[in-house]
Protein backbone atom coordinates (compact mmCIF):
# COMPACT_ATOMS: atom_id res chain seq x y z
CA MET A 1 -37.50 38.12 -69.55
CA ALA A 2 -38.18 37.00 -73.13
CA LYS A 3 -36.26 34.16 -74.68
CA ASN A 4 -34.81 35.04 -78.09
CA ILE A 5 -34.82 32.56 -80.96
CA LYS A 6 -32.81 33.24 -84.07
CA CYS A 7 -34.20 31.26 -86.96
CA VAL A 8 -32.32 31.54 -90.28
CA VAL A 9 -34.30 30.61 -93.36
CA VAL A 10 -32.31 29.41 -96.40
CA GLY A 11 -33.28 28.23 -99.84
CA ASP A 12 -33.64 29.45 -103.37
CA GLY A 13 -36.57 31.81 -102.64
CA ARG A 14 -36.71 34.82 -100.43
CA PHE A 15 -38.97 36.75 -98.04
CA ASP A 16 -38.60 39.72 -95.73
CA ASN A 17 -37.05 39.44 -92.28
CA TYR A 18 -39.65 39.18 -89.57
CA SER A 19 -39.75 39.33 -85.80
CA THR A 20 -42.64 38.62 -83.42
CA THR A 21 -43.24 37.79 -79.80
CA VAL A 22 -45.18 34.62 -79.03
CA TRP A 23 -46.09 33.13 -75.68
CA VAL A 24 -44.99 29.61 -74.80
CA ASN A 25 -46.09 28.28 -71.40
CA GLN A 26 -46.70 31.87 -70.25
CA ILE A 27 -43.14 32.87 -71.23
CA PRO A 28 -42.58 35.48 -73.94
CA VAL A 29 -40.49 34.20 -76.84
CA GLN A 30 -39.03 36.64 -79.35
CA LEU A 31 -38.86 34.78 -82.69
CA GLY A 32 -36.65 36.41 -85.28
CA LEU A 33 -36.75 35.06 -88.83
CA TRP A 34 -33.71 35.97 -90.85
CA ASP A 35 -33.87 35.70 -94.64
CA THR A 36 -30.59 34.93 -96.32
CA ALA A 37 -30.21 36.01 -99.92
CA GLY A 38 -30.22 32.81 -101.93
CA GLN A 39 -28.60 34.36 -104.97
CA GLU A 40 -25.10 33.32 -105.89
CA ASP A 41 -23.90 36.94 -105.59
CA TYR A 42 -24.33 36.65 -101.81
CA ASP A 43 -22.54 33.32 -101.29
CA ARG A 44 -19.63 34.95 -99.43
CA LEU A 45 -21.78 37.29 -97.33
CA ARG A 46 -24.54 34.87 -96.35
CA PRO A 47 -22.53 32.98 -93.72
CA LEU A 48 -22.01 36.22 -91.82
CA SER A 49 -25.66 35.96 -90.70
CA TYR A 50 -25.18 32.45 -89.28
CA PRO A 51 -23.52 33.07 -85.87
CA LEU A 52 -25.84 32.68 -82.89
CA THR A 53 -28.42 30.82 -84.98
CA ASP A 54 -30.71 28.59 -82.90
CA VAL A 55 -32.37 26.74 -85.78
CA PHE A 56 -32.19 26.66 -89.56
CA VAL A 57 -35.22 26.27 -91.80
CA LEU A 58 -34.23 24.89 -95.22
CA CYS A 59 -36.97 25.48 -97.79
CA TYR A 60 -37.69 24.17 -101.26
CA SER A 61 -40.66 24.54 -103.54
CA VAL A 62 -42.52 21.35 -104.52
CA ASP A 63 -42.94 22.69 -108.07
CA ASN A 64 -39.22 23.38 -108.53
CA LYS A 65 -37.03 20.27 -108.58
CA ALA A 66 -33.89 22.41 -108.83
CA SER A 67 -34.72 24.05 -105.46
CA PHE A 68 -35.22 20.57 -104.00
CA GLN A 69 -31.86 19.39 -105.32
CA ASN A 70 -30.17 22.55 -104.05
CA ILE A 71 -31.06 21.56 -100.46
CA LYS A 72 -28.70 18.60 -100.76
CA SER A 73 -26.08 20.13 -103.04
CA LYS A 74 -25.88 23.69 -101.69
CA TRP A 75 -27.90 24.64 -98.60
CA TYR A 76 -27.31 21.65 -96.32
CA PRO A 77 -23.54 21.55 -97.00
CA GLU A 78 -23.28 25.28 -96.37
CA VAL A 79 -25.17 25.42 -93.07
CA SER A 80 -23.73 22.15 -91.73
CA HIS A 81 -20.22 23.40 -92.51
CA HIS A 82 -20.66 26.71 -90.71
CA CYS A 83 -23.01 25.50 -87.93
CA PRO A 84 -22.69 21.72 -87.51
CA ASP A 85 -24.57 21.61 -84.19
CA VAL A 86 -27.59 23.73 -85.10
CA PRO A 87 -30.81 21.79 -85.73
CA ILE A 88 -32.43 21.88 -89.17
CA VAL A 89 -36.11 21.84 -90.08
CA LEU A 90 -36.80 20.95 -93.73
CA VAL A 91 -39.88 22.66 -95.20
CA ALA A 92 -41.58 21.99 -98.56
CA THR A 93 -43.43 25.10 -99.77
CA LYS A 94 -46.15 25.75 -102.35
CA THR A 95 -47.87 22.48 -101.59
CA ASP A 96 -51.13 23.85 -102.94
CA LEU A 97 -49.63 23.38 -106.40
CA ARG A 98 -49.78 19.58 -106.03
CA LYS A 99 -53.57 19.72 -105.83
CA LYS A 100 -53.65 22.07 -108.80
CA PHE A 101 -51.64 19.58 -110.84
CA ILE A 102 -53.86 16.69 -109.76
CA LYS A 103 -56.98 18.50 -111.00
CA SER A 104 -55.45 19.32 -114.37
CA LYS A 105 -56.34 17.45 -117.57
CA ASN A 106 -52.92 15.85 -118.14
CA LYS A 107 -52.50 14.85 -114.52
CA SER A 108 -50.06 11.97 -114.87
CA LYS A 109 -47.45 14.18 -116.50
CA GLU A 110 -47.91 17.16 -114.20
CA ILE A 111 -48.00 15.17 -110.95
CA SER A 112 -44.56 13.84 -111.75
CA GLU A 113 -43.31 17.42 -111.98
CA THR A 114 -43.83 18.04 -108.30
CA VAL A 115 -41.65 16.75 -105.49
CA SER A 116 -43.55 14.08 -103.55
CA ILE A 117 -44.01 13.96 -99.78
CA GLU A 118 -42.01 10.73 -99.74
CA LYS A 119 -39.04 12.32 -101.51
CA GLY A 120 -39.17 15.26 -99.10
CA GLN A 121 -39.20 12.91 -96.07
CA ALA A 122 -36.32 10.90 -97.52
CA LEU A 123 -34.26 14.06 -97.96
CA ALA A 124 -35.08 15.14 -94.40
CA ASN A 125 -33.79 11.78 -93.14
CA GLU A 126 -30.68 12.05 -95.33
CA ILE A 127 -29.73 15.50 -94.03
CA LYS A 128 -30.70 14.53 -90.47
CA ALA A 129 -33.35 17.24 -90.19
CA VAL A 130 -35.11 17.22 -86.84
CA LYS A 131 -38.43 17.71 -88.62
CA TYR A 132 -39.97 17.64 -92.09
CA LEU A 133 -42.98 19.88 -92.71
CA GLU A 134 -45.01 21.05 -95.67
CA CYS A 135 -46.91 24.31 -96.09
CA SER A 136 -48.63 26.64 -98.52
CA ALA A 137 -48.51 30.39 -98.09
CA ARG A 138 -51.40 30.70 -100.54
CA THR A 139 -53.83 28.52 -98.55
CA MET A 140 -51.99 28.99 -95.19
CA HIS A 141 -52.10 25.22 -94.76
CA GLY A 142 -49.25 24.17 -92.47
CA VAL A 143 -47.74 27.64 -92.02
CA LYS A 144 -48.51 27.90 -88.30
CA ALA A 145 -47.10 24.39 -87.79
CA VAL A 146 -43.76 25.51 -89.23
CA PHE A 147 -43.40 28.31 -86.68
CA ASP A 148 -44.72 26.16 -83.84
CA GLU A 149 -42.17 23.47 -84.67
CA VAL A 150 -39.29 25.95 -84.97
CA ILE A 151 -40.06 27.21 -81.46
CA LYS A 152 -40.47 23.66 -80.11
CA VAL A 153 -37.15 22.57 -81.61
CA VAL A 154 -35.33 25.31 -79.73
CA ILE A 155 -37.24 25.41 -76.47
CA VAL A 156 -38.21 21.76 -75.94
CA SER A 157 -35.24 19.99 -77.54
CA PRO A 158 -32.62 18.47 -75.25
CA LYS A 159 -29.61 20.64 -74.40
CA ARG A 160 -26.95 20.51 -77.04
CA LYS A 161 -23.36 19.95 -76.01
CA TYR A 162 -22.14 23.33 -77.19
CA SER A 163 -23.15 26.77 -75.99
CA ARG A 164 -25.10 29.02 -78.33
CA GLU A 165 -21.95 31.03 -79.09
CA ARG A 166 -19.93 27.97 -80.17
CA ARG A 167 -22.44 26.32 -82.50
CA CYS A 168 -21.53 28.40 -85.56
CA LYS A 169 -18.23 29.37 -87.01
CA VAL A 170 -17.31 31.96 -89.62
CA LEU A 171 -14.21 31.13 -91.61
């Protein structure tokens, strides 16, 4: 019998919901990625997708400091309020843009416009994320590692003190 993993992705961007079966130690794992609408119009509806979540992936774009700041001011408070016992993986996206800025003519100015690895790691520590990862959908660098880590967090992590049903609450 396949193990089901519900992974809810939150952040300022968006993507389509996705589901796939992967094999871990010869056991099928059904990984479901749930996109939550990041727009303010959906603030009241978004928490309805949180019950039974196994892991949250909080995403920000390295070229958008507002999306980085929203992790701390909006996304982390929201998911930790509704699901305090669900692990969080923090993911920096669009990391290929750092290299693009480094190669540009006015590199000192443009490099400062991206969020550094160090700032990302510091934020991960601050929000008690179980893992900090970086990826680029354009180059595919680090993308597989994000999914591998999400699965590992749920399957390999020590048992949490609450059952799956009790980890999230809808108020």
